[in-house]
Amino acid sequence: MSTEKLIVEGQEIALDQDACLCDLADWSEPVARALAAREGIELSAAHWEVLYLLQEFYQQFQLSPANRALVKYVAVNLGKEKGNSLYLNGLFNGMPAKLAARLAGLPKPANCF
């Protein structure tokens, strides 16, 4: 059930009750920037690195990772200095799994409130 719309480059993008994309195919970098702006985040190279990594995780496992899995996956793929909660919390306003998944165009992780 869609509860909200996001207008990006003249296109209407449907969002669910968690402000995640209703259709994962609607994701693009402009959509990610618009979603990030709603959160008061300007996406940097560090953000993009994590967002694209999350999309790889989703393609491999068909789910959005919970926080612990996200931290571990980032550590394995981007290094321990980036694969820690402090780093990811700083990038994603203290909600790395939930917010990063949303910005990457993925569904909310199953165990996030």
PDB file of N, CA and C in Angstrom:
ATOM      1  N   MET A   1       0.836  -1.177   0.000  1.00  0.00           N
ATOM      2  CA  MET A   1       0.000   0.000   0.000  1.00  0.00           C
ATOM      3  C   MET A   1       0.883   1.243   0.000  1.00  0.00           C
ATOM      4  N   SER A   2       0.731   2.075  -0.976  1.00  0.00           N
ATOM      5  CA  SER A   2       1.501   3.307  -1.072  1.00  0.00           C
ATOM      6  C   SER A   2       0.858   4.381  -0.207  1.00  0.00           C
ATOM      7  N   THR A   3       1.662   5.105   0.532  1.00  0.00           N
ATOM      8  CA  THR A   3       1.117   6.160   1.377  1.00  0.00           C
ATOM      9  C   THR A   3       1.667   7.527   1.017  1.00  0.00           C
ATOM     10  N   GLU A   4       2.695   7.591   0.221  1.00  0.00           N
ATOM     11  CA  GLU A   4       3.357   8.848  -0.062  1.00  0.00           C
ATOM     12  C   GLU A   4       3.941   8.815  -1.463  1.00  0.00           C
ATOM     13  N   LYS A   5       4.152   9.989  -2.010  1.00  0.00           N
ATOM     14  CA  LYS A   5       4.763  10.095  -3.338  1.00  0.00           C
ATOM     15  C   LYS A   5       5.978  11.006  -3.237  1.00  0.00           C
ATOM     16  N   LEU A   6       6.962  10.730  -4.063  1.00  0.00           N
ATOM     17  CA  LEU A   6       8.159  11.540  -4.185  1.00  0.00           C
ATOM     18  C   LEU A   6       8.224  11.977  -5.643  1.00  0.00           C
ATOM     19  N   ILE A   7       8.432  13.260  -5.867  1.00  0.00           N
ATOM     20  CA  ILE A   7       8.544  13.757  -7.238  1.00  0.00           C
ATOM     21  C   ILE A   7      10.025  13.975  -7.532  1.00  0.00           C
ATOM     22  N   VAL A   8      10.535  13.253  -8.532  1.00  0.00           N
ATOM     23  CA  VAL A   8      11.941  13.354  -8.915  1.00  0.00           C
ATOM     24  C   VAL A   8      12.001  13.522 -10.427  1.00  0.00           C
ATOM     25  N   GLU A   9      12.603  14.641 -10.842  1.00  0.00           N
ATOM     26  CA  GLU A   9      12.738  14.941 -12.270  1.00  0.00           C
ATOM     27  C   GLU A   9      11.403  14.813 -12.998  1.00  0.00           C
ATOM     28  N   GLY A  10      10.344  15.318 -12.364  1.00  0.00           N
ATOM     29  CA  GLY A  10       9.011  15.307 -12.958  1.00  0.00           C
ATOM     30  C   GLY A  10       8.286  13.982 -12.906  1.00  0.00           C
ATOM     31  N   GLN A  11       8.909  12.981 -12.315  1.00  0.00           N
ATOM     32  CA  GLN A  11       8.299  11.652 -12.223  1.00  0.00           C
ATOM     33  C   GLN A  11       7.809  11.407 -10.808  1.00  0.00           C
ATOM     34  N   GLU A  12       6.637  10.805 -10.696  1.00  0.00           N
ATOM     35  CA  GLU A  12       6.058  10.470  -9.409  1.00  0.00           C
ATOM     36  C   GLU A  12       6.549   9.087  -8.986  1.00  0.00           C
ATOM     37  N   ILE A  13       7.167   9.028  -7.814  1.00  0.00           N
ATOM     38  CA  ILE A  13       7.706   7.768  -7.286  1.00  0.00           C
ATOM     39  C   ILE A  13       6.893   7.392  -6.050  1.00  0.00           C
ATOM     40  N   ALA A  14       6.297   6.212  -6.057  1.00  0.00           N
ATOM     41  CA  ALA A  14       5.482   5.760  -4.929  1.00  0.00           C
ATOM     42  C   ALA A  14       6.365   5.236  -3.798  1.00  0.00           C
ATOM     43  N   LEU A  15       6.028   5.650  -2.587  1.00  0.00           N
ATOM     44  CA  LEU A  15       6.721   5.185  -1.379  1.00  0.00           C
ATOM     45  C   LEU A  15       5.741   4.424  -0.503  1.00  0.00           C
ATOM     46  N   ASP A  16       6.243   3.432   0.219  1.00  0.00           N
ATOM     47  CA  ASP A  16       5.388   2.681   1.137  1.00  0.00           C
ATOM     48  C   ASP A  16       5.307   3.398   2.488  1.00  0.00           C
ATOM     49  N   GLN A  17       4.678   2.764   3.461  1.00  0.00           N
ATOM     50  CA  GLN A  17       4.481   3.372   4.784  1.00  0.00           C
ATOM     51  C   GLN A  17       5.796   3.609   5.527  1.00  0.00           C
ATOM     52  N   ASP A  18       6.884   2.978   5.092  1.00  0.00           N
ATOM     53  CA  ASP A  18       8.200   3.171   5.707  1.00  0.00           C
ATOM     54  C   ASP A  18       9.068   4.134   4.900  1.00  0.00           C
ATOM     55  N   ALA A  19       8.472   4.811   3.911  1.00  0.00           N
ATOM     56  CA  ALA A  19       9.159   5.737   3.011  1.00  0.00           C
ATOM     57  C   ALA A  19      10.196   5.030   2.137  1.00  0.00           C
ATOM     58  N   CYS A  20       9.995   3.734   1.910  1.00  0.00           N
ATOM     59  CA  CYS A  20      10.830   2.956   0.989  1.00  0.00           C
ATOM     60  C   CYS A  20      10.111   2.905  -0.364  1.00  0.00           C
ATOM     61  N   LEU A  21      10.874   2.683  -1.414  1.00  0.00           N
ATOM     62  CA  LEU A  21      10.283   2.590  -2.742  1.00  0.00           C
ATOM     63  C   LEU A  21       9.308   1.422  -2.822  1.00  0.00           C
ATOM     64  N   CYS A  22       8.166   1.661  -3.419  1.00  0.00           N
ATOM     65  CA  CYS A  22       7.216   0.562  -3.658  1.00  0.00           C
ATOM     66  C   CYS A  22       7.729  -0.355  -4.765  1.00  0.00           C
ATOM     67  N   ASP A  23       8.409   0.232  -5.736  1.00  0.00           N
ATOM     68  CA  ASP A  23       8.949  -0.522  -6.867  1.00  0.00           C
ATOM     69  C   ASP A  23      10.456  -0.285  -6.906  1.00  0.00           C
ATOM     70  N   LEU A  24      11.231  -1.326  -6.645  1.00  0.00           N
ATOM     71  CA  LEU A  24      12.684  -1.196  -6.611  1.00  0.00           C
ATOM     72  C   LEU A  24      13.253  -0.709  -7.942  1.00  0.00           C
ATOM     73  N   ALA A  25      12.513  -0.933  -9.028  1.00  0.00           N
ATOM     74  CA  ALA A  25      12.972  -0.484 -10.342  1.00  0.00           C
ATOM     75  C   ALA A  25      12.940   1.038 -10.481  1.00  0.00           C
ATOM     76  N   ASP A  26      12.276   1.727  -9.567  1.00  0.00           N
ATOM     77  CA  ASP A  26      12.230   3.192  -9.595  1.00  0.00           C
ATOM     78  C   ASP A  26      13.522   3.827  -9.097  1.00  0.00           C
ATOM     79  N   TRP A  27      14.433   3.037  -8.532  1.00  0.00           N
ATOM     80  CA  TRP A  27      15.644   3.612  -7.945  1.00  0.00           C
ATOM     81  C   TRP A  27      16.570   4.161  -9.022  1.00  0.00           C
ATOM     82  N   SER A  28      17.158   5.296  -8.702  1.00  0.00           N
ATOM     83  CA  SER A  28      18.198   5.919  -9.519  1.00  0.00           C
ATOM     84  C   SER A  28      18.987   6.820  -8.578  1.00  0.00           C
ATOM     85  N   GLU A  29      20.108   7.331  -9.049  1.00  0.00           N
ATOM     86  CA  GLU A  29      20.865   8.250  -8.207  1.00  0.00           C
ATOM     87  C   GLU A  29      20.061   9.504  -7.868  1.00  0.00           C
ATOM     88  N   PRO A  30      19.314  10.099  -8.807  1.00  0.00           N
ATOM     89  CA  PRO A  30      18.486  11.252  -8.419  1.00  0.00           C
ATOM     90  C   PRO A  30      17.432  10.895  -7.356  1.00  0.00           C
ATOM     91  N   VAL A  31      16.859   9.703  -7.450  1.00  0.00           N
ATOM     92  CA  VAL A  31      15.890   9.265  -6.440  1.00  0.00           C
ATOM     93  C   VAL A  31      16.594   9.129  -5.090  1.00  0.00           C
ATOM     94  N   ALA A  32      17.767   8.537  -5.078  1.00  0.00           N
ATOM     95  CA  ALA A  32      18.520   8.395  -3.822  1.00  0.00           C
ATOM     96  C   ALA A  32      18.822   9.768  -3.228  1.00  0.00           C
ATOM     97  N   ARG A  33      19.217  10.723  -4.063  1.00  0.00           N
ATOM     98  CA  ARG A  33      19.499  12.075  -3.568  1.00  0.00           C
ATOM     99  C   ARG A  33      18.246  12.724  -2.984  1.00  0.00           C
ATOM    100  N   ALA A  34      17.101  12.512  -3.629  1.00  0.00           N
ATOM    101  CA  ALA A  34      15.843  13.075  -3.129  1.00  0.00           C
ATOM    102  C   ALA A  34      15.448  12.434  -1.800  1.00  0.00           C
ATOM    103  N   LEU A  35      15.603  11.126  -1.698  1.00  0.00           N
ATOM    104  CA  LEU A  35      15.312  10.441  -0.430  1.00  0.00           C
ATOM    105  C   LEU A  35      16.256  10.923   0.667  1.00  0.00           C
ATOM    106  N   ALA A  36      17.516  11.093   0.328  1.00  0.00           N
ATOM    107  CA  ALA A  36      18.506  11.561   1.306  1.00  0.00           C
ATOM    108  C   ALA A  36      18.186  12.981   1.767  1.00  0.00           C
ATOM    109  N   ALA A  37      17.777  13.826   0.837  1.00  0.00           N
ATOM    110  CA  ALA A  37      17.446  15.211   1.193  1.00  0.00           C
ATOM    111  C   ALA A  37      16.314  15.252   2.219  1.00  0.00           C
ATOM    112  N   ARG A  38      15.372  14.326   2.110  1.00  0.00           N
ATOM    113  CA  ARG A  38      14.277  14.245   3.099  1.00  0.00           C
ATOM    114  C   ARG A  38      14.809  13.949   4.491  1.00  0.00           C
ATOM    115  N   GLU A  39      15.976  13.333   4.551  1.00  0.00           N
ATOM    116  CA  GLU A  39      16.594  12.968   5.835  1.00  0.00           C
ATOM    117  C   GLU A  39      17.649  13.993   6.269  1.00  0.00           C
ATOM    118  N   GLY A  40      17.824  15.028   5.460  1.00  0.00           N
ATOM    119  CA  GLY A  40      18.830  16.033   5.779  1.00  0.00           C
ATOM    120  C   GLY A  40      20.249  15.583   5.494  1.00  0.00           C
ATOM    121  N   ILE A  41      20.401  14.676   4.536  1.00  0.00           N
ATOM    122  CA  ILE A  41      21.710  14.124   4.183  1.00  0.00           C
ATOM    123  C   ILE A  41      22.063  14.518   2.755  1.00  0.00           C
ATOM    124  N   GLU A  42      23.272  15.014   2.582  1.00  0.00           N
ATOM    125  CA  GLU A  42      23.806  15.217   1.238  1.00  0.00           C
ATOM    126  C   GLU A  42      24.747  14.051   0.975  1.00  0.00           C
ATOM    127  N   LEU A  43      24.449  13.275  -0.032  1.00  0.00           N
ATOM    128  CA  LEU A  43      25.206  12.051  -0.279  1.00  0.00           C
ATOM    129  C   LEU A  43      26.627  12.355  -0.755  1.00  0.00           C
ATOM    130  N   SER A  44      27.585  11.737  -0.077  1.00  0.00           N
ATOM    131  CA  SER A  44      29.007  11.864  -0.406  1.00  0.00           C
ATOM    132  C   SER A  44      29.477  10.560  -1.059  1.00  0.00           C
ATOM    133  N   ALA A  45      30.723  10.544  -1.468  1.00  0.00           N
ATOM    134  CA  ALA A  45      31.301   9.318  -2.035  1.00  0.00           C
ATOM    135  C   ALA A  45      31.216   8.164  -1.034  1.00  0.00           C
ATOM    136  N   ALA A  46      31.382   8.460   0.245  1.00  0.00           N
ATOM    137  CA  ALA A  46      31.296   7.417   1.283  1.00  0.00           C
ATOM    138  C   ALA A  46      29.893   6.819   1.337  1.00  0.00           C
ATOM    139  N   HIS A  47      28.873   7.655   1.193  1.00  0.00           N
ATOM    140  CA  HIS A  47      27.498   7.146   1.183  1.00  0.00           C
ATOM    141  C   HIS A  47      27.265   6.250  -0.030  1.00  0.00           C
ATOM    142  N   TRP A  48      27.669   6.749  -1.217  1.00  0.00           N
ATOM    143  CA  TRP A  48      27.445   5.980  -2.442  1.00  0.00           C
ATOM    144  C   TRP A  48      28.112   4.611  -2.371  1.00  0.00           C
ATOM    145  N   GLU A  49      29.292   4.569  -1.803  1.00  0.00           N
ATOM    146  CA  GLU A  49      30.028   3.309  -1.665  1.00  0.00           C
ATOM    147  C   GLU A  49      29.182   2.289  -0.891  1.00  0.00           C
ATOM    148  N   VAL A  50      28.562   2.725   0.180  1.00  0.00           N
ATOM    149  CA  VAL A  50      27.732   1.834   0.995  1.00  0.00           C
ATOM    150  C   VAL A  50      26.429   1.507   0.276  1.00  0.00           C
ATOM    151  N   LEU A  51      25.823   2.483  -0.374  1.00  0.00           N
ATOM    152  CA  LEU A  51      24.557   2.235  -1.070  1.00  0.00           C
ATOM    153  C   LEU A  51      24.716   1.193  -2.177  1.00  0.00           C
ATOM    154  N   TYR A  52      25.764   1.327  -2.973  1.00  0.00           N
ATOM    155  CA  TYR A  52      25.984   0.338  -4.036  1.00  0.00           C
ATOM    156  C   TYR A  52      26.339  -1.033  -3.453  1.00  0.00           C
ATOM    157  N   LEU A  53      27.050  -1.044  -2.349  1.00  0.00           N
ATOM    158  CA  LEU A  53      27.364  -2.315  -1.690  1.00  0.00           C
ATOM    159  C   LEU A  53      26.085  -2.980  -1.174  1.00  0.00           C
ATOM    160  N   LEU A  54      25.179  -2.175  -0.632  1.00  0.00           N
ATOM    161  CA  LEU A  54      23.893  -2.716  -0.181  1.00  0.00           C
ATOM    162  C   LEU A  54      23.106  -3.327  -1.327  1.00  0.00           C
ATOM    163  N   GLN A  55      23.143  -2.687  -2.478  1.00  0.00           N
ATOM    164  CA  GLN A  55      22.448  -3.251  -3.630  1.00  0.00           C
ATOM    165  C   GLN A  55      23.054  -4.587  -4.041  1.00  0.00           C
ATOM    166  N   GLU A  56      24.374  -4.714  -3.946  1.00  0.00           N
ATOM    167  CA  GLU A  56      25.023  -6.007  -4.221  1.00  0.00           C
ATOM    168  C   GLU A  56      24.552  -7.063  -3.223  1.00  0.00           C
ATOM    169  N   PHE A  57      24.492  -6.677  -1.945  1.00  0.00           N
ATOM    170  CA  PHE A  57      24.019  -7.592  -0.908  1.00  0.00           C
ATOM    171  C   PHE A  57      22.607  -8.067  -1.253  1.00  0.00           C
ATOM    172  N   TYR A  58      21.744  -7.129  -1.628  1.00  0.00           N
ATOM    173  CA  TYR A  58      20.362  -7.473  -1.953  1.00  0.00           C
ATOM    174  C   TYR A  58      20.288  -8.417  -3.157  1.00  0.00           C
ATOM    175  N   GLN A  59      21.075  -8.153  -4.172  1.00  0.00           N
ATOM    176  CA  GLN A  59      21.088  -9.036  -5.344  1.00  0.00           C
ATOM    177  C   GLN A  59      21.537 -10.442  -4.969  1.00  0.00           C
ATOM    178  N   GLN A  60      22.481 -10.529  -4.042  1.00  0.00           N
ATOM    179  CA  GLN A  60      23.003 -11.834  -3.643  1.00  0.00           C
ATOM    180  C   GLN A  60      22.055 -12.591  -2.721  1.00  0.00           C
ATOM    181  N   PHE A  61      21.449 -11.888  -1.748  1.00  0.00           N
ATOM    182  CA  PHE A  61      20.672 -12.564  -0.699  1.00  0.00           C
ATOM    183  C   PHE A  61      19.168 -12.311  -0.767  1.00  0.00           C
ATOM    184  N   GLN A  62      18.727 -11.422  -1.644  1.00  0.00           N
ATOM    185  CA  GLN A  62      17.306 -11.088  -1.799  1.00  0.00           C
ATOM    186  C   GLN A  62      16.664 -10.551  -0.510  1.00  0.00           C
ATOM    187  N   LEU A  63      17.452  -9.833   0.275  1.00  0.00           N
ATOM    188  CA  LEU A  63      16.933  -9.166   1.462  1.00  0.00           C
ATOM    189  C   LEU A  63      17.856  -8.025   1.840  1.00  0.00           C
ATOM    190  N   SER A  64      17.306  -7.108   2.602  1.00  0.00           N
ATOM    191  CA  SER A  64      18.099  -5.995   3.115  1.00  0.00           C
ATOM    192  C   SER A  64      18.715  -6.434   4.438  1.00  0.00           C
ATOM    193  N   PRO A  65      19.998  -6.165   4.635  1.00  0.00           N
ATOM    194  CA  PRO A  65      20.644  -6.655   5.852  1.00  0.00           C
ATOM    195  C   PRO A  65      20.247  -5.878   7.102  1.00  0.00           C
ATOM    196  N   ALA A  66      20.153  -6.589   8.203  1.00  0.00           N
ATOM    197  CA  ALA A  66      19.997  -5.948   9.510  1.00  0.00           C
ATOM    198  C   ALA A  66      21.334  -5.293   9.855  1.00  0.00           C
ATOM    199  N   ASN A  67      21.353  -4.530  10.913  1.00  0.00           N
ATOM    200  CA  ASN A  67      22.541  -3.745  11.252  1.00  0.00           C
ATOM    201  C   ASN A  67      23.800  -4.601  11.407  1.00  0.00           C
ATOM    202  N   ARG A  68      23.723  -5.680  12.147  1.00  0.00           N
ATOM    203  CA  ARG A  68      24.909  -6.517  12.382  1.00  0.00           C
ATOM    204  C   ARG A  68      25.453  -7.086  11.069  1.00  0.00           C
ATOM    205  N   ALA A  69      24.552  -7.571  10.228  1.00  0.00           N
ATOM    206  CA  ALA A  69      24.976  -8.118   8.925  1.00  0.00           C
ATOM    207  C   ALA A  69      25.548  -7.018   8.038  1.00  0.00           C
ATOM    208  N   LEU A  70      24.963  -5.829   8.103  1.00  0.00           N
ATOM    209  CA  LEU A  70      25.466  -4.701   7.318  1.00  0.00           C
ATOM    210  C   LEU A  70      26.891  -4.350   7.732  1.00  0.00           C
ATOM    211  N   VAL A  71      27.117  -4.226   9.021  1.00  0.00           N
ATOM    212  CA  VAL A  71      28.450  -3.889   9.533  1.00  0.00           C
ATOM    213  C   VAL A  71      29.466  -4.924   9.074  1.00  0.00           C
ATOM    214  N   LYS A  72      29.125  -6.192   9.197  1.00  0.00           N
ATOM    215  CA  LYS A  72      30.045  -7.259   8.807  1.00  0.00           C
ATOM    216  C   LYS A  72      30.309  -7.247   7.304  1.00  0.00           C
ATOM    217  N   TYR A  73      29.266  -7.061   6.510  1.00  0.00           N
ATOM    218  CA  TYR A  73      29.411  -7.050   5.054  1.00  0.00           C
ATOM    219  C   TYR A  73      30.277  -5.879   4.606  1.00  0.00           C
ATOM    220  N   VAL A  74      30.073  -4.719   5.211  1.00  0.00           N
ATOM    221  CA  VAL A  74      30.885  -3.548   4.882  1.00  0.00           C
ATOM    222  C   VAL A  74      32.338  -3.808   5.279  1.00  0.00           C
ATOM    223  N   ALA A  75      32.562  -4.382   6.460  1.00  0.00           N
ATOM    224  CA  ALA A  75      33.933  -4.665   6.905  1.00  0.00           C
ATOM    225  C   ALA A  75      34.640  -5.610   5.938  1.00  0.00           C
ATOM    226  N   VAL A  76      33.957  -6.639   5.491  1.00  0.00           N
ATOM    227  CA  VAL A  76      34.549  -7.615   4.577  1.00  0.00           C
ATOM    228  C   VAL A  76      34.852  -6.984   3.223  1.00  0.00           C
ATOM    229  N   ASN A  77      33.955  -6.118   2.744  1.00  0.00           N
ATOM    230  CA  ASN A  77      34.086  -5.582   1.385  1.00  0.00           C
ATOM    231  C   ASN A  77      34.778  -4.226   1.280  1.00  0.00           C
ATOM    232  N   LEU A  78      34.705  -3.424   2.335  1.00  0.00           N
ATOM    233  CA  LEU A  78      35.292  -2.086   2.272  1.00  0.00           C
ATOM    234  C   LEU A  78      36.384  -1.859   3.311  1.00  0.00           C
ATOM    235  N   GLY A  79      36.581  -2.835   4.191  1.00  0.00           N
ATOM    236  CA  GLY A  79      37.619  -2.711   5.203  1.00  0.00           C
ATOM    237  C   GLY A  79      37.057  -2.431   6.591  1.00  0.00           C
ATOM    238  N   LYS A  80      37.819  -2.821   7.585  1.00  0.00           N
ATOM    239  CA  LYS A  80      37.378  -2.694   8.977  1.00  0.00           C
ATOM    240  C   LYS A  80      37.138  -1.247   9.395  1.00  0.00           C
ATOM    241  N   GLU A  81      37.908  -0.305   8.823  1.00  0.00           N
ATOM    242  CA  GLU A  81      37.736   1.094   9.205  1.00  0.00           C
ATOM    243  C   GLU A  81      36.351   1.622   8.812  1.00  0.00           C
ATOM    244  N   LYS A  82      35.739   1.029   7.788  1.00  0.00           N
ATOM    245  CA  LYS A  82      34.401   1.437   7.369  1.00  0.00           C
ATOM    246  C   LYS A  82      33.329   0.484   7.884  1.00  0.00           C
ATOM    247  N   GLY A  83      33.729  -0.720   8.203  1.00  0.00           N
ATOM    248  CA  GLY A  83      32.792  -1.723   8.686  1.00  0.00           C
ATOM    249  C   GLY A  83      32.689  -1.699  10.192  1.00  0.00           C
ATOM    250  N   ASN A  84      32.274  -0.555  10.714  1.00  0.00           N
ATOM    251  CA  ASN A  84      32.019  -0.474  12.155  1.00  0.00           C
ATOM    252  C   ASN A  84      30.809   0.419  12.376  1.00  0.00           C
ATOM    253  N   SER A  85      30.152   0.210  13.491  1.00  0.00           N
ATOM    254  CA  SER A  85      28.906   0.911  13.772  1.00  0.00           C
ATOM    255  C   SER A  85      29.082   2.421  13.849  1.00  0.00           C
ATOM    256  N   LEU A  86      30.171   2.888  14.428  1.00  0.00           N
ATOM    257  CA  LEU A  86      30.372   4.334  14.555  1.00  0.00           C
ATOM    258  C   LEU A  86      30.434   5.012  13.187  1.00  0.00           C
ATOM    259  N   TYR A  87      31.199   4.441  12.288  1.00  0.00           N
ATOM    260  CA  TYR A  87      31.328   4.988  10.935  1.00  0.00           C
ATOM    261  C   TYR A  87      29.969   5.015  10.235  1.00  0.00           C
ATOM    262  N   LEU A  88      29.260   3.884  10.245  1.00  0.00           N
ATOM    263  CA  LEU A  88      27.983   3.783   9.548  1.00  0.00           C
ATOM    264  C   LEU A  88      26.905   4.625  10.218  1.00  0.00           C
ATOM    265  N   ASN A  89      26.899   4.691  11.536  1.00  0.00           N
ATOM    266  CA  ASN A  89      25.945   5.554  12.242  1.00  0.00           C
ATOM    267  C   ASN A  89      26.161   7.008  11.848  1.00  0.00           C
ATOM    268  N   GLY A  90      27.424   7.414  11.724  1.00  0.00           N
ATOM    269  CA  GLY A  90      27.740   8.781  11.330  1.00  0.00           C
ATOM    270  C   GLY A  90      27.239   9.118   9.938  1.00  0.00           C
ATOM    271  N   LEU A  91      27.340   8.167   9.035  1.00  0.00           N
ATOM    272  CA  LEU A  91      26.868   8.401   7.663  1.00  0.00           C
ATOM    273  C   LEU A  91      25.348   8.436   7.574  1.00  0.00           C
ATOM    274  N   PHE A  92      24.688   7.595   8.351  1.00  0.00           N
ATOM    275  CA  PHE A  92      23.253   7.386   8.183  1.00  0.00           C
ATOM    276  C   PHE A  92      22.441   7.733   9.425  1.00  0.00           C
ATOM    277  N   ASN A  93      22.788   8.850  10.044  1.00  0.00           N
ATOM    278  CA  ASN A  93      21.995   9.431  11.139  1.00  0.00           C
ATOM    279  C   ASN A  93      21.623   8.434  12.244  1.00  0.00           C
ATOM    280  N   GLY A  94      22.533   7.533  12.573  1.00  0.00           N
ATOM    281  CA  GLY A  94      22.289   6.591  13.663  1.00  0.00           C
ATOM    282  C   GLY A  94      21.370   5.442  13.309  1.00  0.00           C
ATOM    283  N   MET A  95      20.969   5.327  12.056  1.00  0.00           N
ATOM    284  CA  MET A  95      20.075   4.240  11.614  1.00  0.00           C
ATOM    285  C   MET A  95      20.627   3.598  10.349  1.00  0.00           C
ATOM    286  N   PRO A  96      21.837   3.050  10.400  1.00  0.00           N
ATOM    287  CA  PRO A  96      22.464   2.616   9.147  1.00  0.00           C
ATOM    288  C   PRO A  96      21.687   1.556   8.369  1.00  0.00           C
ATOM    289  N   ALA A  97      21.197   0.530   9.008  1.00  0.00           N
ATOM    290  CA  ALA A  97      20.528  -0.529   8.248  1.00  0.00           C
ATOM    291  C   ALA A  97      19.246  -0.008   7.605  1.00  0.00           C
ATOM    292  N   LYS A  98      18.411   0.632   8.383  1.00  0.00           N
ATOM    293  CA  LYS A  98      17.117   1.103   7.896  1.00  0.00           C
ATOM    294  C   LYS A  98      17.274   2.226   6.870  1.00  0.00           C
ATOM    295  N   LEU A  99      18.043   3.237   7.202  1.00  0.00           N
ATOM    296  CA  LEU A  99      18.165   4.402   6.328  1.00  0.00           C
ATOM    297  C   LEU A  99      18.982   4.097   5.076  1.00  0.00           C
ATOM    298  N   ALA A 100      20.065   3.371   5.223  1.00  0.00           N
ATOM    299  CA  ALA A 100      20.877   3.032   4.049  1.00  0.00           C
ATOM    300  C   ALA A 100      20.074   2.168   3.074  1.00  0.00           C
ATOM    301  N   ALA A 101      19.298   1.227   3.596  1.00  0.00           N
ATOM    302  CA  ALA A 101      18.457   0.399   2.721  1.00  0.00           C
ATOM    303  C   ALA A 101      17.466   1.289   1.969  1.00  0.00           C
ATOM    304  N   ARG A 102      16.833   2.218   2.668  1.00  0.00           N
ATOM    305  CA  ARG A 102      15.866   3.116   2.022  1.00  0.00           C
ATOM    306  C   ARG A 102      16.543   3.913   0.906  1.00  0.00           C
ATOM    307  N   LEU A 103      17.709   4.476   1.202  1.00  0.00           N
ATOM    308  CA  LEU A 103      18.392   5.303   0.209  1.00  0.00           C
ATOM    309  C   LEU A 103      18.914   4.473  -0.969  1.00  0.00           C
ATOM    310  N   ALA A 104      19.193   3.200  -0.735  1.00  0.00           N
ATOM    311  CA  ALA A 104      19.650   2.304  -1.798  1.00  0.00           C
ATOM    312  C   ALA A 104      18.487   1.743  -2.618  1.00  0.00           C
ATOM    313  N   GLY A 105      17.266   2.135  -2.245  1.00  0.00           N
ATOM    314  CA  GLY A 105      16.090   1.684  -2.990  1.00  0.00           C
ATOM    315  C   GLY A 105      15.590   0.318  -2.588  1.00  0.00           C
ATOM    316  N   LEU A 106      16.010  -0.161  -1.432  1.00  0.00           N
ATOM    317  CA  LEU A 106      15.675  -1.502  -0.977  1.00  0.00           C
ATOM    318  C   LEU A 106      14.568  -1.469   0.069  1.00  0.00           C
ATOM    319  N   PRO A 107      13.916  -2.604   0.305  1.00  0.00           N
ATOM    320  CA  PRO A 107      12.908  -2.644   1.366  1.00  0.00           C
ATOM    321  C   PRO A 107      13.555  -2.511   2.742  1.00  0.00           C
ATOM    322  N   LYS A 108      12.758  -2.109   3.703  1.00  0.00           N
ATOM    323  CA  LYS A 108      13.237  -1.999   5.079  1.00  0.00           C
ATOM    324  C   LYS A 108      13.671  -3.383   5.561  1.00  0.00           C
ATOM    325  N   PRO A 109      14.815  -3.476   6.258  1.00  0.00           N
ATOM    326  CA  PRO A 109      15.219  -4.766   6.818  1.00  0.00           C
ATOM    327  C   PRO A 109      14.117  -5.329   7.721  1.00  0.00           C
ATOM    328  N   ALA A 110      13.929  -6.614   7.687  1.00  0.00           N
ATOM    329  CA  ALA A 110      12.815  -7.262   8.370  1.00  0.00           C
ATOM    330  C   ALA A 110      12.776  -6.995   9.870  1.00  0.00           C
ATOM    331  N   ASN A 111      13.909  -6.888  10.533  1.00  0.00           N
ATOM    332  CA  ASN A 111      13.884  -6.739  11.978  1.00  0.00           C
ATOM    333  C   ASN A 111      14.095  -5.308  12.446  1.00  0.00           C
ATOM    334  N   CYS A 112      13.915  -4.324  11.585  1.00  0.00           N
ATOM    335  CA  CYS A 112      14.017  -2.918  11.982  1.00  0.00           C
ATOM    336  C   CYS A 112      12.639  -2.397  12.354  1.00  0.00           C
ATOM    337  N   PHE A 113      12.597  -1.607  13.381  1.00  0.00           N
ATOM    338  CA  PHE A 113      11.323  -1.049  13.848  1.00  0.00           C
ATOM    339  C   PHE A 113      10.931   0.175  13.059  1.00  0.00           C
TER     340      PHE A 113
END
